[in-house]
Amino acid sequence: MISEGIAQTDTGMTDGNIVVNPMRPSALMPPMQSFTFSGTITAASPTKSARLNRNAVASTCEVPKICDIFSTDAFPYNQHSFTNPSSESVCIEVILSTLCTEGNVGFDIYDGSFDPSNICTNYLADPGLSSGVPAVDVMLSYELAPSQTIVIVVFDVNQATCEIGGGYELAINGMFPAAVPTLGQWGLIILGILLAIFGVVAIKSRQFTFNKA
């Protein structure tokens, strides 16, 4: 029997396609970017063999967690990959919102790939909670290494009608630094500037010659 979810406010209990979007409210300070994924868990979704303990303790950039399996069963899931677009480490927020108020879903984060038969392999982070009923947003933060790829696994907790087919949205918020031009890009930039200067000089020379004539 799969137990009901724990809402985010129950802090004293132990459980047992990518688009750049405008910012939602966040604990981080601007400027930042927000990337979102949307999806739906269906009856045809693959299943994973277990889920983690909802101990009401979220992973943070400052304090990571260890993998702590609570129960084994068949939990339908979807997975989404995200790669740090910068060459610097970035503290990201990951927020899961279910589109069905009676849907109970959760998520975990993995490094590079996910093994549904061993959910501790490549484990990185979890929010310590599922969305609960009625549903609330759940979130965590994680220090994303330069160019690191993570896999976010969104899963159904109770396999209820609302959760299967109800839909969800994932938001990844981070203060990603602007890309610094490479040596080749700097060369093209300088060449463009020089050509512009030569063009201006040539035009001025022609005007001077014409006026003199």
N, C-alpha and C. Protein backbone atom coordinates (compact mmCIF):
# COMPACT_ATOMS: atom_id res chain seq x y z
N MET A 1 0.86 -1.19 0.00
CA MET A 1 0.00 0.00 0.00
C MET A 1 0.89 1.24 0.00
N ILE A 2 0.68 2.10 -0.97
CA ILE A 2 1.49 3.31 -1.06
C ILE A 2 0.82 4.40 -0.24
N SER A 3 1.56 5.01 0.68
CA SER A 3 0.97 5.99 1.59
C SER A 3 0.69 7.31 0.89
N GLU A 4 -0.19 8.10 1.50
CA GLU A 4 -0.49 9.42 0.97
C GLU A 4 0.71 10.34 1.11
N GLY A 5 0.74 11.41 0.31
CA GLY A 5 1.88 12.31 0.34
C GLY A 5 1.86 13.23 1.54
N ILE A 6 3.01 13.82 1.81
CA ILE A 6 3.14 14.78 2.89
C ILE A 6 3.23 16.17 2.29
N ALA A 7 2.36 17.05 2.71
CA ALA A 7 2.39 18.42 2.21
C ALA A 7 3.64 19.12 2.71
N GLN A 8 4.02 20.19 2.05
CA GLN A 8 5.27 20.87 2.36
C GLN A 8 5.25 21.49 3.76
N THR A 9 4.07 21.76 4.29
CA THR A 9 4.00 22.37 5.60
C THR A 9 4.18 21.36 6.74
N ASP A 10 4.13 20.07 6.42
CA ASP A 10 4.23 19.05 7.46
C ASP A 10 5.69 18.78 7.82
N THR A 11 6.39 19.79 8.30
CA THR A 11 7.83 19.68 8.49
C THR A 11 8.21 18.81 9.68
N GLY A 12 7.24 18.46 10.53
CA GLY A 12 7.59 17.63 11.68
C GLY A 12 7.42 16.15 11.41
N MET A 13 7.03 15.78 10.20
CA MET A 13 6.72 14.39 9.92
C MET A 13 7.81 13.71 9.11
N THR A 14 7.98 12.44 9.29
CA THR A 14 8.87 11.64 8.47
C THR A 14 8.04 10.58 7.79
N ASP A 15 8.25 10.33 6.58
CA ASP A 15 7.45 9.41 5.81
C ASP A 15 7.69 7.98 6.19
N GLY A 16 7.86 8.34 6.40
CA GLY A 16 7.84 7.09 5.83
C GLY A 16 7.75 7.57 4.28
N ASN A 17 10.06 20.13 -23.25
CA ASN A 17 10.78 20.82 -24.20
C ASN A 17 11.23 22.14 -23.66
N ILE A 18 12.46 22.53 -23.91
CA ILE A 18 12.95 23.51 -22.96
C ILE A 18 12.73 24.94 -23.46
N VAL A 19 12.24 25.78 -22.52
CA VAL A 19 11.89 27.15 -22.89
C VAL A 19 12.45 28.11 -21.86
N VAL A 20 12.98 29.24 -22.29
CA VAL A 20 13.40 30.29 -21.36
C VAL A 20 12.20 31.16 -21.06
N ASN A 21 11.89 31.36 -19.79
CA ASN A 21 10.67 32.04 -19.37
C ASN A 21 10.96 33.22 -18.47
N PRO A 22 9.98 34.12 -18.31
CA PRO A 22 10.10 35.17 -17.30
C PRO A 22 10.18 34.57 -15.90
N MET A 23 10.80 35.28 -14.98
CA MET A 23 11.03 34.75 -13.64
C MET A 23 9.74 34.63 -12.83
N ARG A 24 9.70 33.58 -12.02
CA ARG A 24 8.68 33.44 -11.00
C ARG A 24 9.30 33.88 -9.67
N PRO A 25 8.53 34.10 -8.60
CA PRO A 25 9.11 34.47 -7.31
C PRO A 25 10.15 33.48 -6.86
N SER A 26 11.25 33.96 -6.32
CA SER A 26 12.37 33.09 -5.99
C SER A 26 13.15 33.65 -4.83
N ALA A 27 13.85 32.72 -4.12
CA ALA A 27 14.70 33.14 -3.02
C ALA A 27 16.00 33.75 -3.54
N LEU A 28 16.36 33.49 -4.80
CA LEU A 28 17.58 34.04 -5.37
C LEU A 28 17.33 35.47 -5.82
N MET A 29 18.40 36.24 -5.91
CA MET A 29 18.28 37.62 -6.35
C MET A 29 18.49 37.71 -7.85
N PRO A 30 17.77 38.58 -8.55
CA PRO A 30 17.98 38.77 -9.99
C PRO A 30 19.34 39.41 -10.22
N PRO A 31 19.89 39.38 -11.45
CA PRO A 31 19.25 38.82 -12.64
C PRO A 31 19.41 37.30 -12.70
N MET A 32 18.44 36.63 -13.28
CA MET A 32 18.52 35.19 -13.44
C MET A 32 17.65 34.74 -14.60
N GLN A 33 17.82 33.50 -14.99
CA GLN A 33 17.01 32.90 -16.03
C GLN A 33 16.19 31.77 -15.43
N SER A 34 15.03 31.53 -16.03
CA SER A 34 14.19 30.41 -15.62
C SER A 34 13.92 29.52 -16.82
N PHE A 35 14.22 28.24 -16.69
CA PHE A 35 13.97 27.26 -17.74
C PHE A 35 12.85 26.34 -17.25
N THR A 36 11.90 26.02 -18.12
CA THR A 36 10.81 25.16 -17.68
C THR A 36 10.66 23.94 -18.58
N PHE A 37 10.24 22.86 -17.95
CA PHE A 37 9.82 21.65 -18.64
C PHE A 37 8.38 21.37 -18.23
N SER A 38 7.59 20.84 -19.12
CA SER A 38 6.26 20.39 -18.75
C SER A 38 6.10 18.95 -19.20
N GLY A 39 5.25 18.22 -18.51
CA GLY A 39 5.06 16.82 -18.86
C GLY A 39 3.81 16.25 -18.22
N THR A 40 3.51 15.03 -18.60
CA THR A 40 2.36 14.31 -18.06
C THR A 40 2.77 12.86 -17.83
N ILE A 41 2.54 12.36 -16.64
CA ILE A 41 2.75 10.96 -16.35
C ILE A 41 1.51 10.20 -16.79
N THR A 42 1.69 9.18 -17.61
CA THR A 42 0.56 8.43 -18.15
C THR A 42 0.67 6.96 -17.77
N ALA A 43 -0.35 6.21 -18.14
CA ALA A 43 -0.34 4.76 -17.87
C ALA A 43 0.76 4.06 -18.65
N ALA A 44 1.25 4.72 -19.71
CA ALA A 44 2.32 4.13 -20.51
C ALA A 44 3.72 4.54 -20.04
N SER A 45 3.81 5.39 -19.02
CA SER A 45 5.12 5.84 -18.52
C SER A 45 5.89 4.66 -17.93
N PRO A 46 7.22 4.69 -18.01
CA PRO A 46 8.02 3.63 -17.37
C PRO A 46 7.89 3.72 -15.85
N THR A 47 8.31 2.70 -15.15
CA THR A 47 8.23 2.70 -13.69
C THR A 47 9.62 2.52 -13.08
N LYS A 48 9.80 3.09 -11.90
CA LYS A 48 11.01 2.88 -11.12
C LYS A 48 10.68 2.00 -9.92
N SER A 49 11.69 1.37 -9.36
CA SER A 49 11.47 0.29 -8.40
C SER A 49 11.29 0.75 -6.96
N ALA A 50 11.52 2.03 -6.67
CA ALA A 50 11.44 2.50 -5.27
C ALA A 50 11.29 4.02 -5.27
N ARG A 51 11.07 4.56 -4.07
CA ARG A 51 11.10 6.00 -3.90
C ARG A 51 11.84 6.33 -2.60
N LEU A 52 12.24 7.60 -2.50
CA LEU A 52 13.04 8.02 -1.35
C LEU A 52 12.17 8.42 -0.16
N ASN A 53 12.80 8.50 0.99
CA ASN A 53 12.14 8.91 2.21
C ASN A 53 11.78 10.40 2.15
N ARG A 54 10.51 10.72 2.36
CA ARG A 54 10.09 12.12 2.42
C ARG A 54 10.26 12.61 3.86
N ASN A 55 11.47 12.97 4.18
CA ASN A 55 11.80 13.33 5.57
C ASN A 55 11.66 14.82 5.86
N ALA A 56 11.06 15.56 4.94
CA ALA A 56 10.80 17.00 5.10
C ALA A 56 12.08 17.83 5.15
N VAL A 57 13.19 17.28 4.67
CA VAL A 57 14.46 18.01 4.61
C VAL A 57 14.87 18.10 3.14
N ALA A 58 14.89 19.31 2.61
CA ALA A 58 15.23 19.52 1.21
C ALA A 58 16.74 19.65 1.02
N SER A 59 17.24 19.11 -0.07
CA SER A 59 18.64 19.35 -0.44
C SER A 59 18.83 20.83 -0.73
N THR A 60 19.98 21.37 -0.34
CA THR A 60 20.32 22.76 -0.64
C THR A 60 21.72 22.83 -1.21
N CYS A 61 22.05 23.96 -1.80
CA CYS A 61 23.41 24.16 -2.33
C CYS A 61 24.45 24.05 -1.22
N GLU A 62 24.08 24.49 -0.02
CA GLU A 62 25.01 24.48 1.11
C GLU A 62 25.06 23.12 1.80
N VAL A 63 23.91 22.43 1.86
CA VAL A 63 23.83 21.16 2.60
C VAL A 63 23.19 20.09 1.71
N PRO A 64 24.00 19.30 1.01
CA PRO A 64 23.44 18.20 0.20
C PRO A 64 22.95 17.06 1.08
N LYS A 65 22.25 16.10 0.47
CA LYS A 65 21.72 14.95 1.20
C LYS A 65 22.31 13.65 0.67
N ILE A 66 22.06 12.56 1.40
CA ILE A 66 22.43 11.22 0.93
C ILE A 66 21.17 10.50 0.48
N CYS A 67 21.33 9.49 -0.34
CA CYS A 67 20.20 8.72 -0.83
C CYS A 67 19.62 7.88 0.32
N ASP A 68 18.30 7.96 0.50
CA ASP A 68 17.65 7.27 1.62
C ASP A 68 16.34 6.65 1.10
N ILE A 69 16.39 5.38 0.74
CA ILE A 69 15.22 4.70 0.18
C ILE A 69 14.21 4.40 1.29
N PHE A 70 12.92 4.68 1.00
CA PHE A 70 11.88 4.43 1.99
C PHE A 70 11.05 3.20 1.65
N SER A 71 10.57 3.10 0.41
CA SER A 71 9.69 1.97 0.06
C SER A 71 9.96 1.51 -1.36
N THR A 72 9.64 0.27 -1.62
CA THR A 72 9.77 -0.32 -2.95
C THR A 72 8.40 -0.62 -3.52
N ASP A 73 8.23 -0.31 -4.78
CA ASP A 73 6.97 -0.54 -5.50
C ASP A 73 7.24 -0.11 -6.93
N ALA A 74 6.20 -0.08 -7.75
CA ALA A 74 6.33 0.39 -9.13
C ALA A 74 5.77 1.81 -9.21
N PHE A 75 6.67 2.78 -9.38
CA PHE A 75 6.27 4.19 -9.42
C PHE A 75 6.46 4.74 -10.84
N PRO A 76 5.38 5.10 -11.53
CA PRO A 76 5.51 5.68 -12.88
C PRO A 76 6.29 7.00 -12.83
N TYR A 77 7.10 7.24 -13.85
CA TYR A 77 7.93 8.44 -13.85
C TYR A 77 8.20 8.95 -15.26
N ASN A 78 8.61 10.21 -15.34
CA ASN A 78 9.20 10.82 -16.54
C ASN A 78 10.56 11.37 -16.15
N GLN A 79 11.43 11.55 -17.11
CA GLN A 79 12.73 12.17 -16.81
C GLN A 79 13.03 13.28 -17.81
N HIS A 80 13.73 14.31 -17.31
CA HIS A 80 14.11 15.47 -18.11
C HIS A 80 15.58 15.78 -17.86
N SER A 81 16.31 16.08 -18.90
CA SER A 81 17.74 16.40 -18.77
C SER A 81 17.95 17.91 -18.90
N PHE A 82 18.91 18.41 -18.12
CA PHE A 82 19.26 19.83 -18.19
C PHE A 82 20.77 19.97 -18.02
N THR A 83 21.40 20.78 -18.87
CA THR A 83 22.85 21.00 -18.82
C THR A 83 23.15 22.44 -18.47
N ASN A 84 24.05 22.65 -17.52
CA ASN A 84 24.49 23.99 -17.16
C ASN A 84 25.07 24.66 -18.40
N PRO A 85 24.46 25.75 -18.89
CA PRO A 85 24.94 26.38 -20.12
C PRO A 85 26.19 27.22 -19.93
N SER A 86 26.67 27.34 -18.70
CA SER A 86 27.83 28.21 -18.45
C SER A 86 29.05 27.39 -18.05
N SER A 87 30.18 28.06 -18.02
CA SER A 87 31.44 27.42 -17.62
C SER A 87 31.74 27.68 -16.14
N GLU A 88 30.73 28.11 -15.39
CA GLU A 88 30.89 28.36 -13.96
C GLU A 88 29.86 27.55 -13.17
N SER A 89 30.17 27.30 -11.91
CA SER A 89 29.20 26.64 -11.02
C SER A 89 28.05 27.60 -10.73
N VAL A 90 26.84 27.06 -10.68
CA VAL A 90 25.65 27.88 -10.44
C VAL A 90 24.75 27.17 -9.45
N CYS A 91 24.29 27.91 -8.43
CA CYS A 91 23.30 27.37 -7.50
C CYS A 91 21.93 27.52 -8.16
N ILE A 92 21.27 26.40 -8.42
CA ILE A 92 19.97 26.44 -9.07
C ILE A 92 18.86 26.07 -8.09
N GLU A 93 17.67 26.61 -8.31
CA GLU A 93 16.45 26.17 -7.66
C GLU A 93 15.69 25.29 -8.64
N VAL A 94 15.15 24.19 -8.18
CA VAL A 94 14.28 23.36 -9.00
C VAL A 94 12.93 23.29 -8.29
N ILE A 95 11.87 23.69 -8.98
CA ILE A 95 10.54 23.77 -8.40
C ILE A 95 9.58 22.91 -9.22
N LEU A 96 8.85 22.04 -8.55
CA LEU A 96 7.86 21.19 -9.20
C LEU A 96 6.46 21.67 -8.83
N SER A 97 5.63 21.89 -9.85
CA SER A 97 4.23 22.27 -9.66
C SER A 97 3.35 21.27 -10.39
N THR A 98 2.36 20.71 -9.71
CA THR A 98 1.41 19.83 -10.37
C THR A 98 0.22 20.64 -10.84
N LEU A 99 -0.31 20.28 -12.00
CA LEU A 99 -1.44 21.00 -12.57
C LEU A 99 -2.78 20.47 -12.06
N CYS A 100 -2.72 19.48 -11.18
CA CYS A 100 -3.93 18.91 -10.61
C CYS A 100 -3.84 19.03 -9.09
N THR A 101 -4.75 19.75 -8.48
CA THR A 101 -4.65 20.03 -7.04
C THR A 101 -4.74 18.78 -6.18
N GLU A 102 -5.31 17.70 -6.72
CA GLU A 102 -5.40 16.45 -5.96
C GLU A 102 -4.32 15.45 -6.36
N GLY A 103 -3.37 15.90 -7.17
CA GLY A 103 -2.30 15.01 -7.63
C GLY A 103 -1.11 15.06 -6.70
N ASN A 104 -0.55 13.91 -6.38
CA ASN A 104 0.60 13.83 -5.46
C ASN A 104 1.81 13.32 -6.23
N VAL A 105 2.73 14.23 -6.55
CA VAL A 105 3.92 13.88 -7.33
C VAL A 105 5.17 14.34 -6.60
N GLY A 106 6.30 13.77 -6.96
CA GLY A 106 7.59 14.15 -6.37
C GLY A 106 8.67 14.13 -7.43
N PHE A 107 9.89 14.51 -7.05
CA PHE A 107 11.00 14.45 -8.00
C PHE A 107 12.32 14.27 -7.27
N ASP A 108 13.29 13.73 -7.99
CA ASP A 108 14.66 13.57 -7.51
C ASP A 108 15.60 14.01 -8.63
N ILE A 109 16.86 14.28 -8.30
CA ILE A 109 17.85 14.72 -9.29
C ILE A 109 19.02 13.74 -9.30
N TYR A 110 19.51 13.46 -10.52
CA TYR A 110 20.59 12.50 -10.71
C TYR A 110 21.68 13.11 -11.61
N ASP A 111 22.86 12.56 -11.48
CA ASP A 111 24.03 13.05 -12.22
C ASP A 111 24.17 12.29 -13.54
N GLY A 112 23.77 12.93 -14.64
CA GLY A 112 24.02 12.39 -15.97
C GLY A 112 23.04 11.35 -16.46
N SER A 113 22.66 10.40 -15.63
CA SER A 113 21.75 9.34 -16.07
C SER A 113 20.99 8.79 -14.87
N PHE A 114 19.89 8.08 -15.15
CA PHE A 114 19.04 7.53 -14.11
C PHE A 114 18.83 6.05 -14.34
N ASP A 115 18.99 5.24 -13.28
CA ASP A 115 18.76 3.81 -13.32
C ASP A 115 17.49 3.50 -12.53
N PRO A 116 16.38 3.20 -13.18
CA PRO A 116 15.12 2.98 -12.45
C PRO A 116 15.13 1.75 -11.55
N SER A 117 16.08 0.86 -11.76
CA SER A 117 16.16 -0.33 -10.92
C SER A 117 17.03 -0.11 -9.69
N ASN A 118 17.77 1.01 -9.66
CA ASN A 118 18.62 1.34 -8.51
C ASN A 118 18.62 2.86 -8.37
N ILE A 119 17.68 3.37 -7.59
CA ILE A 119 17.48 4.83 -7.56
C ILE A 119 18.55 5.57 -6.78
N CYS A 120 19.48 4.88 -6.16
CA CYS A 120 20.59 5.56 -5.48
C CYS A 120 21.79 5.76 -6.41
N THR A 121 21.82 5.07 -7.56
CA THR A 121 22.90 5.26 -8.51
C THR A 121 22.84 6.67 -9.09
N ASN A 122 23.92 7.41 -9.00
CA ASN A 122 24.03 8.79 -9.51
C ASN A 122 23.12 9.79 -8.79
N TYR A 123 22.61 9.41 -7.63
CA TYR A 123 21.73 10.32 -6.88
C TYR A 123 22.48 11.61 -6.50
N LEU A 124 21.75 12.75 -6.61
CA LEU A 124 22.32 14.05 -6.23
C LEU A 124 21.49 14.78 -5.18
N ALA A 125 20.16 14.82 -5.37
CA ALA A 125 19.35 15.68 -4.50
C ALA A 125 17.89 15.29 -4.56
N ASP A 126 17.14 15.69 -3.50
CA ASP A 126 15.68 15.54 -3.49
C ASP A 126 15.08 16.58 -2.56
N PRO A 127 13.79 16.91 -2.72
CA PRO A 127 13.17 17.97 -1.91
C PRO A 127 12.68 17.50 -0.55
N GLY A 128 12.74 16.20 -0.27
CA GLY A 128 12.30 15.69 1.02
C GLY A 128 10.80 15.63 1.18
N LEU A 129 10.05 16.00 0.13
CA LEU A 129 8.59 16.04 0.18
C LEU A 129 8.03 15.72 -1.19
N SER A 130 6.80 15.27 -1.22
CA SER A 130 6.02 15.26 -2.46
C SER A 130 5.00 16.39 -2.38
N SER A 131 4.26 16.59 -3.45
CA SER A 131 3.37 17.76 -3.49
C SER A 131 2.21 17.66 -2.51
N GLY A 132 1.85 16.43 -2.10
CA GLY A 132 0.78 16.27 -1.12
C GLY A 132 -0.60 16.51 -1.70
N VAL A 133 -1.62 16.36 -0.88
CA VAL A 133 -3.01 16.58 -1.27
C VAL A 133 -3.69 17.42 -0.18
N PRO A 134 -4.17 18.62 -0.47
CA PRO A 134 -4.09 19.31 -1.77
C PRO A 134 -2.66 19.69 -2.11
N ALA A 135 -2.38 19.75 -3.39
CA ALA A 135 -1.00 19.89 -3.86
C ALA A 135 -0.42 21.27 -3.61
N VAL A 136 0.87 21.31 -3.26
CA VAL A 136 1.65 22.54 -3.16
C VAL A 136 2.93 22.35 -3.95
N ASP A 137 3.58 23.46 -4.32
CA ASP A 137 4.87 23.37 -5.00
C ASP A 137 5.92 22.79 -4.05
N VAL A 138 6.83 22.00 -4.58
CA VAL A 138 7.97 21.51 -3.81
C VAL A 138 9.25 21.93 -4.52
N MET A 139 10.30 22.18 -3.73
CA MET A 139 11.52 22.71 -4.33
C MET A 139 12.75 22.27 -3.57
N LEU A 140 13.89 22.42 -4.24
CA LEU A 140 15.20 22.20 -3.64
C LEU A 140 16.18 23.13 -4.33
N SER A 141 17.41 23.18 -3.84
CA SER A 141 18.48 23.87 -4.55
C SER A 141 19.67 22.93 -4.66
N TYR A 142 20.47 23.17 -5.69
CA TYR A 142 21.61 22.28 -5.95
C TYR A 142 22.71 23.07 -6.65
N GLU A 143 23.96 22.80 -6.28
CA GLU A 143 25.11 23.48 -6.89
C GLU A 143 25.50 22.74 -8.16
N LEU A 144 25.18 23.34 -9.29
CA LEU A 144 25.42 22.74 -10.60
C LEU A 144 26.82 23.08 -11.07
N ALA A 145 27.62 22.04 -11.33
CA ALA A 145 29.01 22.25 -11.77
C ALA A 145 29.04 22.78 -13.21
N PRO A 146 30.17 23.36 -13.62
CA PRO A 146 30.26 23.87 -14.99
C PRO A 146 29.95 22.78 -16.02
N SER A 147 29.03 23.08 -16.93
CA SER A 147 28.64 22.18 -18.03
C SER A 147 28.08 20.84 -17.55
N GLN A 148 27.72 20.74 -16.28
CA GLN A 148 27.18 19.48 -15.75
C GLN A 148 25.77 19.23 -16.28
N THR A 149 25.48 17.96 -16.61
CA THR A 149 24.15 17.54 -17.03
C THR A 149 23.48 16.77 -15.89
N ILE A 150 22.28 17.20 -15.55
CA ILE A 150 21.51 16.50 -14.52
C ILE A 150 20.25 15.90 -15.16
N VAL A 151 19.74 14.86 -14.51
CA VAL A 151 18.48 14.24 -14.93
C VAL A 151 17.48 14.44 -13.80
N ILE A 152 16.36 15.06 -14.09
CA ILE A 152 15.31 15.28 -13.11
C ILE A 152 14.21 14.24 -13.34
N VAL A 153 13.96 13.43 -12.32
CA VAL A 153 12.97 12.37 -12.43
C VAL A 153 11.71 12.77 -11.67
N VAL A 154 10.61 12.95 -12.39
CA VAL A 154 9.32 13.30 -11.79
C VAL A 154 8.50 12.02 -11.72
N PHE A 155 7.95 11.71 -10.54
CA PHE A 155 7.26 10.44 -10.38
C PHE A 155 5.92 10.60 -9.67
N ASP A 156 5.05 9.65 -9.92
CA ASP A 156 3.73 9.60 -9.30
C ASP A 156 3.83 8.80 -8.00
N VAL A 157 3.23 9.33 -6.95
CA VAL A 157 3.32 8.69 -5.63
C VAL A 157 2.22 7.67 -5.41
N ASN A 158 0.99 8.06 -5.68
CA ASN A 158 -0.14 7.22 -5.31
C ASN A 158 -0.84 6.51 -6.46
N GLN A 159 -0.45 6.85 -7.70
CA GLN A 159 -1.06 6.25 -8.88
C GLN A 159 -2.57 6.49 -8.91
N ALA A 160 -2.98 7.67 -8.48
CA ALA A 160 -4.39 8.04 -8.49
C ALA A 160 -4.77 8.59 -9.87
N THR A 161 -6.06 8.70 -10.12
CA THR A 161 -6.55 9.14 -11.43
C THR A 161 -6.03 10.52 -11.79
N CYS A 162 -6.01 11.42 -10.82
CA CYS A 162 -5.58 12.80 -11.08
C CYS A 162 -4.09 12.86 -11.44
N GLU A 163 -3.29 12.01 -10.82
CA GLU A 163 -1.85 12.04 -11.06
C GLU A 163 -1.50 11.45 -12.42
N ILE A 164 -2.20 10.40 -12.81
CA ILE A 164 -1.98 9.80 -14.12
C ILE A 164 -2.74 10.63 -15.15
N GLY A 165 -2.02 11.46 -15.88
CA GLY A 165 -2.63 12.32 -16.88
C GLY A 165 -2.90 13.73 -16.42
N GLY A 166 -2.55 14.05 -15.17
CA GLY A 166 -2.85 15.38 -14.64
C GLY A 166 -1.90 16.48 -15.08
N GLY A 167 -0.66 16.13 -15.40
CA GLY A 167 0.29 17.13 -15.86
C GLY A 167 1.05 17.83 -14.76
N TYR A 168 2.24 18.35 -15.07
CA TYR A 168 3.08 19.05 -14.11
C TYR A 168 4.00 20.00 -14.85
N GLU A 169 4.65 20.88 -14.08
CA GLU A 169 5.64 21.81 -14.64
C GLU A 169 6.86 21.85 -13.73
N LEU A 170 8.03 21.81 -14.34
CA LEU A 170 9.31 21.96 -13.62
C LEU A 170 9.93 23.29 -14.00
N ALA A 171 10.38 24.05 -13.02
CA ALA A 171 11.11 25.29 -13.28
C ALA A 171 12.52 25.17 -12.71
N ILE A 172 13.50 25.56 -13.50
CA ILE A 172 14.90 25.60 -13.06
C ILE A 172 15.34 27.05 -13.10
N ASN A 173 15.60 27.61 -11.93
CA ASN A 173 15.98 29.02 -11.82
C ASN A 173 17.45 29.12 -11.44
N GLY A 174 18.18 29.97 -12.12
CA GLY A 174 19.60 30.13 -11.79
C GLY A 174 20.17 31.42 -12.31
N MET A 175 21.20 31.91 -11.63
CA MET A 175 21.90 33.12 -12.05
C MET A 175 23.06 32.71 -12.96
N PHE A 176 22.73 32.39 -14.21
CA PHE A 176 23.72 31.91 -15.15
C PHE A 176 24.48 33.09 -15.75
N PRO A 177 25.82 33.11 -15.60
CA PRO A 177 26.60 34.24 -16.13
C PRO A 177 26.57 34.27 -17.64
N ALA A 178 26.72 35.46 -18.19
CA ALA A 178 26.75 35.60 -19.64
C ALA A 178 27.99 34.90 -20.20
N ALA A 179 27.83 34.31 -21.36
CA ALA A 179 28.94 33.60 -21.99
C ALA A 179 30.04 34.57 -22.40
N VAL A 180 31.30 34.19 -22.15
CA VAL A 180 32.45 35.00 -22.53
C VAL A 180 32.91 34.56 -23.91
N PRO A 181 33.10 35.48 -24.86
CA PRO A 181 33.53 35.08 -26.21
C PRO A 181 34.83 34.30 -26.19
N THR A 182 34.93 33.29 -27.06
CA THR A 182 36.16 32.52 -27.20
C THR A 182 37.17 33.33 -28.00
N LEU A 183 38.41 32.78 -28.11
CA LEU A 183 39.45 33.47 -28.86
C LEU A 183 39.01 33.65 -30.30
N GLY A 184 38.39 32.63 -30.89
CA GLY A 184 37.91 32.74 -32.26
C GLY A 184 36.81 33.78 -32.40
N GLN A 185 35.93 33.82 -31.41
CA GLN A 185 34.86 34.83 -31.44
C GLN A 185 35.41 36.24 -31.29
N TRP A 186 36.43 36.39 -30.42
CA TRP A 186 37.07 37.69 -30.28
C TRP A 186 37.71 38.12 -31.60
N GLY A 187 38.31 37.15 -32.32
CA GLY A 187 38.91 37.46 -33.62
C GLY A 187 37.90 37.99 -34.60
N LEU A 188 36.71 37.36 -34.63
CA LEU A 188 35.66 37.82 -35.54
C LEU A 188 35.16 39.21 -35.13
N ILE A 189 35.06 39.43 -33.83
CA ILE A 189 34.61 40.74 -33.35
C ILE A 189 35.60 41.84 -33.76
N ILE A 190 36.90 41.57 -33.53
CA ILE A 190 37.93 42.56 -33.88
C ILE A 190 37.96 42.79 -35.38
N LEU A 191 37.83 41.68 -36.17
CA LEU A 191 37.82 41.83 -37.63
C LEU A 191 36.66 42.70 -38.07
N GLY A 192 35.49 42.49 -37.45
CA GLY A 192 34.32 43.30 -37.80
C GLY A 192 34.54 44.77 -37.50
N ILE A 193 35.19 45.05 -36.34
CA ILE A 193 35.47 46.44 -35.97
C ILE A 193 36.43 47.08 -36.96
N LEU A 194 37.48 46.33 -37.32
CA LEU A 194 38.47 46.87 -38.28
C LEU A 194 37.84 47.14 -39.63
N LEU A 195 37.00 46.22 -40.10
CA LEU A 195 36.34 46.44 -41.39
C LEU A 195 35.45 47.67 -41.34
N ALA A 196 34.77 47.86 -40.21
CA ALA A 196 33.92 49.04 -40.07
C ALA A 196 34.75 50.31 -40.11
N ILE A 197 35.91 50.29 -39.43
CA ILE A 197 36.79 51.47 -39.43
C ILE A 197 37.30 51.75 -40.84
N PHE A 198 37.76 50.69 -41.54
CA PHE A 198 38.26 50.88 -42.90
C PHE A 198 37.16 51.41 -43.83
N GLY A 199 35.91 50.93 -43.59
CA GLY A 199 34.80 51.41 -44.41
C GLY A 199 34.55 52.88 -44.20
N VAL A 200 34.58 53.32 -42.95
CA VAL A 200 34.37 54.73 -42.64
C VAL A 200 35.47 55.58 -43.25
N VAL A 201 36.74 55.11 -43.11
CA VAL A 201 37.88 55.86 -43.68
C VAL A 201 37.75 55.97 -45.18
N ALA A 202 37.34 54.85 -45.84
CA ALA A 202 37.20 54.88 -47.30
C ALA A 202 36.13 55.86 -47.74
N ILE A 203 35.01 55.88 -47.02
CA ILE A 203 33.92 56.81 -47.37
C ILE A 203 34.38 58.26 -47.20
N LYS A 204 35.08 58.55 -46.08
CA LYS A 204 35.57 59.90 -45.84
C LYS A 204 36.56 60.33 -46.91
N SER A 205 37.42 59.39 -47.34
CA SER A 205 38.43 59.70 -48.38
C SER A 205 37.74 60.03 -49.69
N ARG A 206 36.72 59.29 -50.04
CA ARG A 206 35.98 59.56 -51.28
C ARG A 206 35.30 60.91 -51.22
N GLN A 207 34.71 61.24 -50.06
CA GLN A 207 34.04 62.53 -49.90
C GLN A 207 35.03 63.66 -50.02
N PHE A 208 36.23 63.48 -49.45
CA PHE A 208 37.26 64.51 -49.51
C PHE A 208 37.73 64.70 -50.94
N THR A 209 37.93 63.60 -51.68
CA THR A 209 38.38 63.68 -53.07
C THR A 209 37.33 64.37 -53.93
N PHE A 210 36.07 64.00 -53.70
CA PHE A 210 34.97 64.59 -54.49
C PHE A 210 34.87 66.11 -54.23
N ASN A 211 34.95 66.49 -52.96
CA ASN A 211 34.88 67.91 -52.61
C ASN A 211 36.06 68.70 -53.19
N LYS A 212 37.23 68.07 -53.20
CA LYS A 212 38.44 68.73 -53.72
C LYS A 212 38.33 68.94 -55.23
N ALA A 213 37.72 67.94 -55.89
CA ALA A 213 37.56 68.05 -57.36
C ALA A 213 36.56 69.16 -57.70
